[in-house]
Protein backbone atom coordinates (compact mmCIF):
# COMPACT_ATOMS: atom_id res chain seq x y z
CA MET A 1 -49.30 34.49 -20.65
CA PRO A 2 -48.08 37.17 -18.22
CA ILE A 3 -45.49 39.61 -19.49
CA TYR A 4 -42.37 41.09 -17.94
CA ASN A 5 -39.95 43.63 -19.33
CA ALA A 6 -37.08 44.38 -16.99
CA PRO A 7 -37.26 48.08 -16.03
CA LEU A 8 -33.65 48.68 -17.04
CA ALA A 9 -34.11 52.40 -17.74
CA ASP A 10 -35.50 52.92 -14.23
CA MET A 11 -32.70 50.84 -12.70
CA LYS A 12 -29.98 52.73 -14.54
CA PHE A 13 -31.58 56.03 -13.54
CA ILE A 14 -31.55 55.04 -9.87
CA LEU A 15 -27.92 53.90 -9.99
CA ASN A 16 -26.43 56.56 -12.24
CA ASP A 17 -28.52 59.67 -11.63
CA VAL A 18 -29.99 59.31 -8.15
CA PHE A 19 -27.07 57.69 -6.34
CA ASN A 20 -24.11 58.48 -8.63
CA ALA A 21 -23.07 54.88 -8.15
CA GLU A 22 -19.97 54.92 -10.33
CA GLN A 23 -18.52 57.84 -8.38
CA PHE A 24 -19.31 56.05 -5.11
CA TRP A 25 -17.66 52.85 -6.34
CA GLN A 26 -14.58 54.48 -7.81
CA ALA A 27 -13.95 56.43 -4.60
CA ASN A 28 -13.60 53.15 -2.69
CA GLU A 29 -10.48 51.14 -3.42
CA ASN A 30 -12.33 47.91 -2.66
CA LEU A 31 -15.00 48.68 -5.27
CA ALA A 32 -12.85 50.38 -7.91
CA HIS A 33 -13.24 47.37 -10.20
CA VAL A 34 -16.90 48.33 -10.74
CA ASP A 35 -18.01 51.02 -13.17
CA ALA A 36 -21.30 52.05 -14.79
CA ALA A 37 -20.62 50.08 -17.97
CA THR A 38 -19.97 46.88 -16.01
CA ALA A 39 -23.09 47.39 -13.91
CA GLU A 40 -25.28 48.00 -16.94
CA ALA A 41 -23.91 44.92 -18.71
CA ILE A 42 -24.71 42.78 -15.66
CA LEU A 43 -28.26 44.14 -15.44
CA GLU A 44 -28.84 43.59 -19.14
CA GLU A 45 -27.69 39.97 -18.94
CA MET A 46 -29.83 39.33 -15.89
CA ALA A 47 -32.81 40.83 -17.73
CA LYS A 48 -32.34 38.26 -20.51
CA PHE A 49 -32.12 35.43 -18.00
CA ALA A 50 -35.21 36.59 -16.13
CA GLN A 51 -37.31 37.13 -19.22
CA ASN A 52 -36.18 34.06 -21.17
CA VAL A 53 -35.40 31.44 -18.52
CA THR A 54 -37.19 31.99 -15.21
CA LEU A 55 -40.42 33.65 -16.38
CA PRO A 56 -41.47 30.73 -18.66
CA ILE A 57 -41.21 28.22 -15.80
CA ASN A 58 -42.94 30.35 -13.18
CA ARG A 59 -46.53 29.26 -13.74
CA THR A 60 -45.62 25.65 -14.63
CA GLY A 61 -43.49 25.47 -11.50
CA ASP A 62 -46.43 26.70 -9.43
CA GLU A 63 -48.74 24.10 -10.95
CA GLU A 64 -46.31 21.19 -10.66
CA GLY A 65 -44.75 22.19 -7.33
CA ALA A 66 -41.88 20.55 -5.49
CA LYS A 67 -42.49 16.88 -4.67
CA ILE A 68 -41.14 14.37 -2.19
CA GLU A 69 -40.96 10.61 -2.71
CA ASN A 70 -39.03 8.10 -0.62
CA GLY A 71 -37.29 10.90 1.23
CA LYS A 72 -36.08 12.64 -1.93
CA VAL A 73 -37.31 16.02 -3.12
CA THR A 74 -37.56 16.94 -6.78
CA THR A 75 -38.13 20.38 -8.26
CA PRO A 76 -40.51 21.14 -11.15
CA ALA A 77 -39.58 20.67 -14.79
CA GLY A 78 -37.04 23.20 -16.01
CA PHE A 79 -35.75 24.21 -12.60
CA LYS A 80 -32.69 22.00 -12.67
CA GLU A 81 -31.65 23.28 -16.08
CA ALA A 82 -32.30 26.90 -15.06
CA PHE A 83 -30.28 26.47 -11.87
CA LYS A 84 -27.36 25.01 -13.80
CA GLN A 85 -27.44 27.92 -16.23
CA TYR A 86 -27.69 30.39 -13.35
CA ALA A 87 -24.73 28.81 -11.55
CA GLU A 88 -22.58 28.58 -14.67
CA GLY A 89 -23.25 32.26 -15.33
CA GLY A 90 -21.62 33.10 -12.00
CA TRP A 91 -24.81 34.63 -10.61
CA ILE A 92 -24.72 32.87 -7.23
CA GLY A 93 -21.40 34.48 -6.43
CA LEU A 94 -22.24 37.86 -7.94
CA GLY A 95 -21.78 39.67 -4.63
CA ALA A 96 -19.39 37.18 -3.02
CA ASP A 97 -15.71 37.75 -2.31
CA GLU A 98 -13.39 36.97 -5.20
CA GLU A 99 -11.26 34.90 -2.82
CA TRP A 100 -14.00 32.25 -2.88
CA GLY A 101 -14.85 32.44 -6.56
CA GLY A 102 -17.27 35.35 -6.36
CA GLN A 103 -17.31 38.52 -8.42
CA GLY A 104 -17.22 41.04 -5.58
CA MET A 105 -20.08 43.15 -6.88
CA PRO A 106 -21.71 45.74 -4.59
CA LYS A 107 -25.05 45.21 -2.91
CA MET A 108 -26.35 48.34 -4.67
CA LEU A 109 -26.16 46.31 -7.88
CA THR A 110 -27.16 42.86 -6.67
CA VAL A 111 -30.45 44.13 -5.23
CA LEU A 112 -31.48 45.12 -8.76
CA ALA A 113 -30.44 41.77 -10.20
CA ASP A 114 -32.49 40.04 -7.50
CA GLU A 115 -35.49 42.24 -8.26
CA MET A 116 -35.71 40.83 -11.78
CA LEU A 117 -35.70 37.24 -10.58
CA PHE A 118 -38.18 37.91 -7.81
CA ALA A 119 -40.44 39.49 -10.42
CA THR A 120 -40.30 36.50 -12.74
CA ASN A 121 -39.91 33.49 -10.44
CA PRO A 122 -39.62 33.96 -6.67
CA SER A 123 -39.68 30.20 -6.02
CA PHE A 124 -36.59 29.74 -8.18
CA LEU A 125 -34.57 32.54 -6.61
CA LEU A 126 -35.09 31.23 -3.08
CA TYR A 127 -32.78 28.27 -3.78
CA PRO A 128 -29.63 30.27 -4.61
CA LEU A 129 -30.62 33.07 -2.24
CA LEU A 130 -30.33 30.76 0.77
CA SER A 131 -26.93 29.64 -0.52
CA VAL A 132 -25.77 33.25 -0.64
CA GLY A 133 -26.99 33.84 2.90
CA ALA A 134 -25.28 30.71 4.19
CA GLY A 135 -22.10 31.80 2.47
CA MET A 136 -22.23 35.18 4.20
CA ALA A 137 -22.61 33.60 7.63
CA LEU A 138 -19.72 31.23 6.99
CA ASN A 139 -17.52 33.98 5.58
CA SER A 140 -18.07 36.02 8.74
CA TYR A 141 -17.72 33.33 11.42
CA ALA A 142 -16.35 30.05 10.04
CA SER A 143 -12.75 28.92 10.34
CA GLN A 144 -10.39 29.30 7.41
CA GLU A 145 -10.52 25.56 6.81
CA GLN A 146 -14.34 25.61 6.79
CA LYS A 147 -14.36 28.52 4.36
CA GLU A 148 -11.97 26.75 2.02
CA THR A 149 -14.05 23.58 2.17
CA TYR A 150 -17.51 25.04 1.63
CA LEU A 151 -17.52 28.52 0.11
CA PRO A 152 -16.10 27.85 -3.37
CA LYS A 153 -18.54 24.96 -3.85
CA ILE A 154 -21.49 27.01 -2.63
CA TYR A 155 -20.74 29.97 -4.89
CA SER A 156 -20.14 27.72 -7.90
CA GLY A 157 -23.57 26.15 -7.39
CA GLU A 158 -22.14 22.65 -6.98
CA TRP A 159 -23.44 22.75 -3.41
CA SER A 160 -26.24 24.81 -1.89
CA GLY A 161 -26.99 26.09 1.58
CA THR A 162 -29.86 26.44 4.03
CA MET A 163 -30.52 28.01 7.39
CA CYS A 164 -32.30 25.83 9.92
CA LEU A 165 -33.75 27.91 12.74
CA THR A 166 -37.45 27.37 13.31
CA GLU A 167 -38.88 24.45 15.27
CA PRO A 168 -42.52 23.41 15.73
CA HIS A 169 -42.66 25.16 19.11
CA ALA A 170 -40.07 27.90 18.52
CA GLY A 171 -40.45 30.51 15.83
CA THR A 172 -39.51 34.06 16.80
CA ASP A 173 -38.37 32.92 20.26
CA LEU A 174 -35.30 30.95 19.23
CA GLY A 175 -34.12 30.82 22.83
CA ILE A 176 -36.44 27.88 23.47
CA ILE A 177 -35.21 25.62 20.65
CA LYS A 178 -34.80 21.96 21.60
CA THR A 179 -32.39 20.71 18.92
CA LYS A 180 -29.44 19.15 20.75
CA ALA A 181 -25.74 19.17 19.92
CA GLU A 182 -23.65 16.59 21.78
CA ARG A 183 -19.90 16.86 21.46
CA ASN A 184 -17.89 13.86 20.25
CA GLU A 185 -14.30 13.06 21.17
CA ASP A 186 -13.08 14.07 17.69
CA GLY A 187 -14.50 17.58 18.08
CA THR A 188 -17.59 16.99 15.93
CA TYR A 189 -21.11 17.08 17.31
CA ASN A 190 -24.16 14.85 17.00
CA ILE A 191 -27.15 17.01 16.06
CA THR A 192 -30.60 15.76 16.99
CA GLY A 193 -33.89 17.56 16.49
CA THR A 194 -36.54 18.72 14.04
CA LYS A 195 -36.63 21.97 12.11
CA ILE A 196 -39.59 23.25 10.12
CA PHE A 197 -40.17 25.72 7.28
CA ILE A 198 -36.69 25.07 5.85
CA THR A 199 -36.42 26.66 2.42
CA GLY A 200 -34.53 24.38 0.05
CA GLY A 201 -34.11 21.79 2.80
CA ASP A 202 -33.80 19.16 0.11
CA HIS A 203 -33.87 19.29 -3.69
CA ASP A 204 -32.24 17.94 -6.84
CA LEU A 205 -30.46 21.11 -7.96
CA ALA A 206 -27.04 20.60 -6.35
CA GLU A 207 -24.78 17.70 -5.43
CA ASN A 208 -24.74 18.55 -1.75
CA ILE A 209 -26.66 20.76 0.68
CA ILE A 210 -24.87 22.50 3.53
CA HIS A 211 -27.30 23.04 6.39
CA LEU A 212 -26.54 25.72 8.96
CA VAL A 213 -28.32 24.51 12.07
CA LEU A 214 -29.00 26.26 15.36
CA ALA A 215 -28.75 23.90 18.34
CA LYS A 216 -27.88 23.83 22.03
CA THR A 217 -25.19 21.89 23.80
CA PRO A 218 -26.20 20.05 27.00
CA ASP A 219 -24.64 22.63 29.35
CA ALA A 220 -25.65 25.71 27.34
CA PRO A 221 -27.07 28.75 29.16
CA ALA A 222 -30.82 29.24 28.96
CA GLY A 223 -32.35 31.41 26.29
CA SER A 224 -30.73 32.86 23.19
CA ARG A 225 -27.35 33.10 24.95
CA GLY A 226 -27.07 29.33 24.71
CA ILE A 227 -27.48 28.92 20.95
CA SER A 228 -24.66 27.52 18.81
CA LEU A 229 -24.36 27.22 15.02
CA PHE A 230 -23.33 24.05 13.22
CA ILE A 231 -22.52 23.00 9.68
CA VAL A 232 -24.45 19.81 8.91
CA PRO A 233 -23.84 18.62 5.34
CA LYS A 234 -26.32 16.39 3.54
CA PHE A 235 -23.38 14.29 2.37
CA MET A 236 -20.21 14.13 4.39
CA VAL A 237 -17.21 15.82 2.80
CA ASN A 238 -13.98 13.82 2.60
CA GLU A 239 -10.56 15.35 3.23
CA ASP A 240 -9.93 15.64 -0.51
CA GLY A 241 -13.22 17.53 -0.98
CA SER A 242 -15.11 14.62 -2.52
CA LEU A 243 -18.47 13.54 -1.19
CA GLY A 244 -18.75 10.65 1.22
CA GLU A 245 -21.60 8.89 2.96
CA ARG A 246 -25.06 10.33 3.54
CA ASN A 247 -25.42 12.18 6.82
CA ALA A 248 -28.34 11.47 9.16
CA ALA A 249 -30.17 14.60 8.04
CA GLY A 250 -33.08 14.64 5.65
CA PRO A 251 -36.59 15.83 4.88
CA GLY A 252 -39.51 14.27 6.67
CA SER A 253 -42.03 16.05 4.45
CA ILE A 254 -42.58 19.19 2.42
CA GLU A 255 -45.14 21.81 3.30
CA HIS A 256 -48.28 22.29 1.18
CA LYS A 257 -48.34 26.03 0.87
CA MET A 258 -50.45 28.95 -0.31
CA GLY A 259 -47.73 30.09 -2.70
CA ILE A 260 -44.07 29.68 -3.78
CA LYS A 261 -45.03 26.07 -4.41
CA ALA A 262 -41.98 25.32 -6.53
CA SER A 263 -39.76 26.15 -3.56
CA ALA A 264 -39.24 23.06 -1.41
CA THR A 265 -40.16 24.09 2.13
CA CYS A 266 -39.15 21.08 4.22
CA VAL A 267 -39.56 19.59 7.64
CA MET A 268 -35.98 18.53 8.38
CA ASN A 269 -35.08 15.72 10.75
CA PHE A 270 -31.62 15.50 12.27
CA ASP A 271 -31.12 12.08 13.82
CA GLY A 272 -27.69 12.27 15.41
CA ALA A 273 -26.35 13.90 12.26
CA LYS A 274 -22.71 14.85 12.32
CA GLY A 275 -22.17 18.56 12.65
CA TYR A 276 -19.25 20.97 12.84
CA LEU A 277 -19.26 23.99 15.15
CA VAL A 278 -19.09 27.40 13.47
CA GLY A 279 -17.22 29.89 15.66
CA LYS A 280 -17.61 29.36 19.39
CA GLU A 281 -20.23 27.56 21.43
CA ASN A 282 -23.17 29.73 22.52
CA GLU A 283 -22.40 32.41 19.91
CA GLY A 284 -24.40 31.02 17.03
CA LEU A 285 -27.16 33.61 16.91
CA ALA A 286 -24.77 36.39 15.92
CA ALA A 287 -23.59 34.37 12.93
CA MET A 288 -27.12 33.60 11.87
CA PHE A 289 -28.12 37.25 12.07
CA VAL A 290 -25.49 38.10 9.47
CA MET A 291 -27.46 35.86 7.16
CA MET A 292 -30.89 37.00 8.32
CA ASN A 293 -30.26 40.73 7.90
CA TYR A 294 -29.35 40.26 4.26
CA GLU A 295 -32.31 37.93 3.79
CA ARG A 296 -34.65 40.54 5.29
CA LEU A 297 -33.60 43.09 2.69
CA SER A 298 -34.11 40.37 0.09
CA MET A 299 -37.69 39.89 1.25
CA GLY A 300 -38.30 43.59 0.66
CA ILE A 301 -36.92 43.12 -2.84
CA GLN A 302 -39.27 40.18 -3.28
CA GLY A 303 -42.08 42.65 -2.64
CA LEU A 304 -40.66 45.10 -5.16
CA GLY A 305 -40.28 42.41 -7.81
CA ALA A 306 -43.86 41.23 -7.36
CA SER A 307 -45.19 44.78 -7.44
CA GLU A 308 -43.28 45.59 -10.64
CA PHE A 309 -44.51 42.39 -12.30
CA ALA A 310 -48.09 43.06 -11.24
CA TYR A 311 -47.95 46.69 -12.34
CA GLN A 312 -46.64 45.86 -15.80
CA ASN A 313 -49.34 43.30 -16.43
CA ALA A 314 -52.12 45.47 -15.02
CA ALA A 315 -51.00 48.50 -17.05
CA GLN A 316 -50.95 46.43 -20.23
CA TYR A 317 -54.37 44.98 -19.46
CA ALA A 318 -55.81 48.42 -18.74
CA THR A 319 -54.46 49.70 -22.05
CA ASP A 320 -56.04 46.85 -24.00
CA ARG A 321 -59.30 46.46 -22.09
CA ILE A 322 -62.17 48.59 -23.34
CA GLN A 323 -65.10 49.17 -21.00
CA GLY A 324 -67.41 52.17 -20.70
CA ARG A 325 -66.72 55.73 -21.78
CA SER A 326 -64.70 58.56 -20.30
CA ALA A 327 -66.63 60.99 -18.09
CA SER A 328 -65.20 63.83 -20.19
CA GLY A 329 -66.41 62.41 -23.51
CA ILE A 330 -65.62 59.61 -25.93
CA GLN A 331 -61.88 59.06 -26.28
CA SER A 332 -61.83 56.20 -28.80
CA PRO A 333 -64.72 56.80 -31.23
CA ALA A 334 -63.61 53.98 -33.51
CA LYS A 335 -64.08 51.47 -30.70
CA ALA A 336 -67.17 50.22 -28.92
CA ALA A 337 -65.81 51.61 -25.64
CA ASP A 338 -62.82 53.46 -24.25
CA SER A 339 -59.82 51.89 -22.58
CA ILE A 340 -60.33 51.55 -18.84
CA LEU A 341 -57.36 53.88 -18.47
CA VAL A 342 -59.80 56.76 -18.92
CA HIS A 343 -61.24 55.99 -15.48
CA GLY A 344 -59.66 57.83 -12.56
CA ASP A 345 -59.99 54.91 -10.16
CA VAL A 346 -58.05 52.60 -12.49
CA ARG A 347 -55.33 55.22 -12.74
CA ARG A 348 -55.29 55.54 -8.95
CA MET A 349 -54.54 51.86 -8.55
CA LEU A 350 -51.86 51.86 -11.22
CA LEU A 351 -50.22 55.02 -9.91
CA ASN A 352 -50.19 53.62 -6.38
CA ALA A 353 -48.31 50.59 -7.66
CA ARG A 354 -45.95 52.63 -9.84
CA ALA A 355 -45.13 55.03 -7.00
CA ASN A 356 -44.47 52.08 -4.71
CA ASN A 357 -42.13 50.52 -7.25
CA GLU A 358 -40.04 53.61 -7.83
CA ALA A 359 -39.68 54.52 -4.15
CA SER A 360 -39.04 50.91 -3.13
CA ARG A 361 -36.35 50.50 -5.77
CA ALA A 362 -34.57 53.65 -4.65
CA PHE A 363 -34.86 52.62 -1.00
CA ALA A 364 -33.48 49.14 -1.69
CA VAL A 365 -30.48 50.63 -3.48
CA TYR A 366 -30.03 53.13 -0.63
CA VAL A 367 -29.97 50.34 1.97
CA GLY A 368 -27.68 48.37 -0.34
CA GLN A 369 -25.32 51.33 -0.40
CA GLN A 370 -25.24 51.40 3.40
CA LEU A 371 -24.39 47.69 3.42
CA ASP A 372 -21.62 48.33 0.90
CA ILE A 373 -20.13 50.97 3.20
CA THR A 374 -20.15 48.52 6.12
CA LYS A 375 -18.41 45.89 3.99
CA PHE A 376 -16.00 47.85 1.81
CA SER A 377 -15.23 51.19 3.46
CA THR A 378 -11.92 51.72 5.27
CA ASN A 379 -13.29 54.75 7.16
CA ALA A 380 -14.17 53.61 10.69
CA GLU A 381 -16.59 56.48 11.30
CA ALA A 382 -18.40 55.86 8.02
CA VAL A 383 -18.68 52.15 8.81
CA GLU A 384 -20.14 52.87 12.26
CA ALA A 385 -22.67 55.32 10.84
CA ALA A 386 -23.66 52.89 8.09
CA ASN A 387 -24.04 50.07 10.60
CA ASN A 388 -26.43 52.24 12.60
CA ARG A 389 -28.36 53.08 9.48
CA VAL A 390 -28.61 49.42 8.43
CA ALA A 391 -29.81 48.45 11.90
CA LEU A 392 -32.54 51.10 11.72
CA LEU A 393 -33.64 50.48 8.15
CA THR A 394 -33.51 46.68 7.87
CA PRO A 395 -36.95 46.17 9.50
CA ILE A 396 -38.37 48.93 7.27
CA ALA A 397 -36.82 47.37 4.17
CA LYS A 398 -38.40 44.05 5.05
CA ALA A 399 -41.77 45.09 6.44
CA TYR A 400 -42.69 48.35 4.76
CA LEU A 401 -41.60 47.24 1.30
CA THR A 402 -43.59 44.01 1.53
CA ASP A 403 -46.66 45.62 3.12
CA THR A 404 -46.86 48.31 0.45
CA ALA A 405 -46.05 45.80 -2.27
CA PHE A 406 -48.89 43.55 -1.19
CA ASP A 407 -51.27 46.50 -1.35
CA ALA A 408 -49.92 47.36 -4.81
CA VAL A 409 -50.31 43.79 -6.05
CA ILE A 410 -53.90 43.70 -4.79
CA ASP A 411 -54.57 46.98 -6.60
CA ALA A 412 -53.03 45.57 -9.78
CA GLN A 413 -55.15 42.43 -9.47
CA MET A 414 -58.23 44.63 -9.07
CA VAL A 415 -57.46 46.39 -12.34
CA PHE A 416 -58.14 43.06 -14.05
CA GLY A 417 -61.57 42.75 -12.47
CA GLY A 418 -62.74 39.15 -12.66
CA HIS A 419 -59.79 38.17 -14.82
CA GLY A 420 -57.50 38.97 -11.91
CA PHE A 421 -59.02 36.00 -10.08
CA ILE A 422 -58.31 33.63 -13.00
CA ARG A 423 -55.04 31.74 -13.11
CA GLU A 424 -54.08 32.34 -16.74
CA TRP A 425 -53.51 36.07 -16.17
CA GLY A 426 -50.90 35.47 -13.48
CA MET A 427 -52.25 37.82 -10.84
CA GLU A 428 -53.63 35.25 -8.45
CA GLN A 429 -50.28 33.45 -8.35
CA CYS A 430 -48.50 36.75 -7.81
CA VAL A 431 -50.73 37.49 -4.80
CA ARG A 432 -50.21 34.00 -3.36
CA ASP A 433 -46.46 34.02 -3.88
CA LEU A 434 -45.98 37.46 -2.34
CA ARG A 435 -47.99 36.84 0.83
CA ILE A 436 -45.18 34.85 2.41
CA ALA A 437 -42.78 37.80 2.15
CA GLN A 438 -44.75 39.52 4.93
CA ILE A 439 -44.41 36.42 7.10
CA TYR A 440 -41.04 34.70 6.81
CA GLU A 441 -37.69 36.01 8.07
CA GLY A 442 -39.62 37.45 11.01
CA THR A 443 -43.20 38.58 10.46
CA ASN A 444 -43.78 42.21 9.68
CA GLY A 445 -45.25 42.69 13.12
CA VAL A 446 -42.02 41.41 14.64
CA GLN A 447 -40.02 43.71 12.35
CA SER A 448 -42.10 46.61 13.62
CA GLN A 449 -41.41 45.66 17.22
CA ASP A 450 -37.71 45.48 16.40
CA LEU A 451 -37.80 48.99 14.95
CA ILE A 452 -39.73 50.62 17.77
CA GLY A 453 -38.10 48.64 20.58
CA ARG A 454 -34.47 47.84 19.86
CA LYS A 455 -33.78 50.42 17.17
CA THR A 456 -35.64 53.40 18.65
CA ILE A 457 -36.62 53.21 22.33
CA LYS A 458 -33.56 51.24 23.48
CA CYS A 459 -31.11 53.73 21.93
CA LYS A 460 -33.30 56.71 22.94
CA GLY A 461 -33.95 57.65 19.34
CA GLU A 462 -30.28 58.09 18.40
CA PHE A 463 -30.45 56.06 15.17
CA ILE A 464 -33.54 57.75 13.82
CA ALA A 465 -32.30 61.20 14.86
CA GLU A 466 -29.22 60.67 12.68
CA TYR A 467 -31.41 59.50 9.80
CA ILE A 468 -33.79 62.46 10.12
CA GLN A 469 -30.86 64.86 10.13
CA GLU A 470 -29.59 63.34 6.88
CA ILE A 471 -33.06 63.71 5.35
CA ARG A 472 -33.31 67.33 6.49
CA ASP A 473 -29.89 68.18 5.13
CA PHE A 474 -30.80 66.79 1.73
CA ALA A 475 -34.25 68.39 1.60
CA ASN A 476 -32.81 71.78 2.53
CA SER A 477 -30.37 71.52 -0.39
CA LEU A 478 -33.20 71.32 -2.97
CA ASP A 479 -33.90 74.20 -5.32
CA ALA A 480 -37.06 76.27 -5.10
CA ASP A 481 -38.61 74.53 -8.11
CA LEU A 482 -38.84 71.40 -5.95
CA ASN A 483 -40.51 73.10 -3.00
CA PHE A 484 -43.45 70.71 -3.24
CA ILE A 485 -41.31 67.71 -2.26
CA LYS A 486 -38.88 69.74 -0.12
CA ASP A 487 -41.63 71.11 2.13
CA ALA A 488 -43.47 67.80 2.28
CA THR A 489 -40.32 65.92 3.27
CA LEU A 490 -39.30 68.48 5.89
CA ASP A 491 -42.81 68.42 7.38
CA ALA A 492 -42.79 64.63 7.44
CA ALA A 493 -39.39 64.64 9.14
CA THR A 494 -40.69 66.97 11.85
CA GLU A 495 -43.80 64.85 12.38
CA VAL A 496 -41.81 61.61 12.65
CA GLU A 497 -39.31 63.28 14.97
CA SER A 498 -42.15 64.45 17.20
CA VAL A 499 -43.94 61.11 17.30
CA THR A 500 -40.64 59.35 18.00
CA GLN A 501 -40.18 61.44 21.13
CA TYR A 502 -43.79 60.70 22.04
CA VAL A 503 -43.11 56.97 21.63
CA ILE A 504 -40.01 57.05 23.83
CA GLU A 505 -41.83 58.87 26.61
CA ALA A 506 -45.02 56.80 26.37
CA ALA A 507 -43.05 53.56 26.50
CA ARG A 508 -41.59 54.60 29.87
CA GLU A 509 -45.06 54.97 31.33
CA ASN A 510 -46.76 51.92 29.81
CA VAL A 511 -44.99 48.67 28.96
CA GLU A 512 -47.78 47.75 26.50
CA PHE A 513 -47.42 50.92 24.47
CA SER A 514 -44.62 50.05 22.06
CA ASN A 515 -46.10 46.74 20.99
CA SER A 516 -49.48 48.24 20.20
CA ALA A 517 -47.97 51.20 18.29
CA ALA A 518 -45.23 49.31 16.44
CA VAL A 519 -46.81 48.68 13.03
CA ASP A 520 -48.17 52.20 12.68
CA TYR A 521 -44.84 53.67 13.77
CA LEU A 522 -42.97 51.59 11.19
CA HIS A 523 -45.35 52.76 8.47
CA ALA A 524 -44.81 56.35 9.55
CA VAL A 525 -41.04 55.97 9.20
CA GLY A 526 -41.60 54.13 5.92
CA LEU A 527 -43.64 57.01 4.52
CA LEU A 528 -40.91 59.46 5.52
CA SER A 529 -38.34 57.21 3.85
CA PHE A 530 -40.34 57.10 0.62
CA SER A 531 -40.67 60.89 0.70
CA TYR A 532 -36.88 61.07 1.03
CA MET A 533 -36.48 58.74 -1.91
CA PHE A 534 -38.87 60.78 -4.07
CA ALA A 535 -36.95 63.92 -3.11
CA LYS A 536 -33.80 62.27 -4.43
CA ILE A 537 -35.61 61.05 -7.54
CA ALA A 538 -37.14 64.44 -8.33
CA ASN A 539 -33.85 66.20 -7.75
CA ALA A 540 -32.04 63.87 -10.16
CA ALA A 541 -34.75 64.20 -12.81
CA LYS A 542 -35.59 67.90 -12.72
CA ALA A 543 -32.65 69.18 -14.78
CA LYS A 544 -32.97 66.56 -17.51
CA ASP A 545 -35.00 66.80 -20.68
CA GLY A 546 -37.54 64.28 -21.87
CA GLU A 547 -40.80 62.71 -20.82
CA PHE A 548 -39.05 59.94 -18.89
CA TYR A 549 -37.62 62.47 -16.44
CA GLN A 550 -40.67 64.72 -16.36
CA ASN A 551 -42.74 61.72 -15.30
CA LYS A 552 -40.39 61.12 -12.36
CA VAL A 553 -41.21 64.57 -11.00
CA ALA A 554 -44.92 64.09 -11.72
CA LEU A 555 -44.94 60.80 -9.82
CA ALA A 556 -43.26 62.52 -6.87
CA GLN A 557 -46.13 65.02 -6.92
CA TYR A 558 -48.62 62.15 -6.94
CA PHE A 559 -46.90 60.63 -3.92
CA VAL A 560 -47.01 63.90 -2.00
CA GLN A 561 -50.68 64.51 -2.69
CA ARG A 562 -52.17 61.03 -2.67
CA ILE A 563 -49.96 58.74 -0.54
CA LEU A 564 -47.96 60.79 1.97
CA PRO A 565 -51.13 62.10 3.72
CA GLU A 566 -51.42 58.62 5.26
CA LEU A 567 -48.67 59.76 7.63
CA ALA A 568 -51.15 61.78 9.68
CA LEU A 569 -53.38 58.72 10.06
CA ARG A 570 -50.49 56.53 11.21
CA ILE A 571 -49.39 59.08 13.80
CA THR A 572 -52.96 59.42 15.11
CA LYS A 573 -53.10 55.65 15.57
CA VAL A 574 -49.74 55.58 17.35
CA LYS A 575 -50.99 58.17 19.83
CA ALA A 576 -54.27 56.31 20.42
CA GLY A 577 -52.36 54.22 22.96
CA PRO A 578 -52.65 50.56 23.97
CA GLU A 579 -55.66 50.74 26.30
CA VAL A 580 -58.32 50.32 23.64
CA ILE A 581 -56.48 47.19 22.49
CA MET A 582 -55.45 45.64 25.80
CA ASN A 583 -58.62 46.29 27.84
CA PHE A 584 -60.39 43.31 26.28
CA SER A 585 -60.10 40.16 28.37
CA GLU A 586 -58.55 37.07 26.82
CA ASP A 587 -61.91 35.32 27.13
CA TYR A 588 -63.45 37.88 24.78
CA PHE A 589 -61.57 36.45 21.80
CA THR A 590 -62.98 32.96 22.16
CA ASN A 591 -66.35 33.70 23.77
CA GLN A 592 -68.92 33.73 20.97
CA SER A 593 -72.02 33.91 23.18
C-alpha cells in the first residue's frame, strides 16, 4: 500500500522561518487571532485526517468510482463518512469568514492543509473545494439575504456548491454559451441549458447542492459582456430554510475519466430550473472569476500534493530496492546488491521531485500571502500591489506548478521501473489523477496566454517589472555566503526582464508571436520564481544548525546547477518566433499522403 507522511517539518519551516508568518499575521488586526501555535495545531490535525481517513479510501475510491443510477449519483464506499467527519471538523470553513460559520484562517495556512488532502485523495478534496469556491463567489457578489440563506449551510457541509460554466461547444470561450435565463414576474429566472464537466454536479454527500450557473438573458449583449450568474439549488429552499421540492436541475450522466474517478464529473441538464440572479445582469463573469482564481491556485497545490506523495513513495522504494552495484564500489556487502540510491540517475529523478516540492510549497504560500493581503489588509497601496501580484502569479501558480509536478510524478514513477506501471504501488493512479490538473480551470496553454497577453503585454510589463524589482531587492540583501543563489537569481531576473521587453516589442510586430511564445515564457517566469523561492529558503536555513537546514541549502545548490539552466533553453525558444510554427498550412495536419 502506498505511504504518506505529512511533511510537517517542511511546512512549519516555510511558514515560520521563510515567511515569518506569525509576525505577518499579528501585524494585521484582521489576522491577529492566528499565531504559530494555532497554525501548527491545525496542520497536525489535518495530517492525521489525511493519513488516517482520506489515504485509505484513495485507491478503493479510484477502483469503485462515482456511479449514477436513475438520475442519482453515489460516491464510493467511505466517502460519505469521510465527508461528514471533514465537515464536522470545521475544515470546509477553515478559511471562510467567521460571520458565516468559518474560522477566518489565512490562505497561507489553508494552502498547506489542502496540500495534504491533494496528496492523499484528490478526488475527495474536489467536493468541498468547489463548495469553498462557490462560497467565495457568493460572499463577494450575492445579496445579504442570499449570503444568510446559503453560506452557513455550505460551510457547515450540510449543503455543497458547484460552478457550472462549460458547455459542449463553449469551453474557454464562455462568451458563446447558450444556456438561457428567462425572467419571471416574481424576479426569479427559468434556467435552461446543458453544462458539462461539472465537478460534484450530483452526489450523496450533502443534503442539497447549490449550483452557480452562468447563463444569458434574452436581451443580453453578445460575448462575455452578456453573461449573468445564477444560484440554482438542487432542492428549493423554503423561507424558513428547510428544503422544498426538487428543482428541474440534475445529472444526465457522469463522465468516464482517465483519473479522479471518485469525483463525480457530471453532465448537468437545466430544464427550466428556477434560478436566482447573483449581483446584476450581465456581470456574472466577474463573480465567477473570484471563484476561479482561487481554484487555479488550488490546482497548483494539487500538483504539489501529487508530487510530494510520489516523491515519498519513490524515495522509500529506492531505499528498499536493491539492484546492481555502485560504480564506486560495493556499498552493501551483506546484500546481494546495493540500493538503487547508489545510482546517480535515480538520485537525479528524486532530487528533481524534491526540489519541485520545496519550491512549489514556498511559492504556494507566497501567493497565499498575497491573497491574504488583498483580503485582510487595510492599507490601500498594499492591497493594490498584492492584487497586481496575484494577477501576475495566478497563471504561474496553476500552470507551472502542475507542469513541473507532472514531470516530477513521471520521474518518481520511473524510479519504480516496471512496478511503477502496476496499480498496487500507487504511481499509475497518481499519474492519472494529476493529469487533469494541467487541463481543468483553464488549460495550462490558456494560462500561459493569460500571462503573456493580459498580464504582461497589455500592461506593458508593469506587473512583472514590479515583481522583478522585489526579487532583485531580496537577492541583493543576501550575505556573501549565499552568492551562489544570489548571483543565479539576479542573472535570471535580468534574463527574464530582457526577454519580457523582447516579447512586448515582438508582439507589436506580429500578432501570432505571443501565442506561440506563451508556454515557454511562462516557464521562464516560473524558473525565476523558483529561484526566488530557493533564495528565500537558503537564506532562512543558512544560520541554523542541523542536517535539516543544511539540506535546504544543498537543494538550492542542486536547483541552481541542474534545473535553473533550463531558463536559457526557454528564452531561446521564445525568441525563435512564430514563423516556424505558423508557416505550415492547415491541410498539413490532416494530409497523411
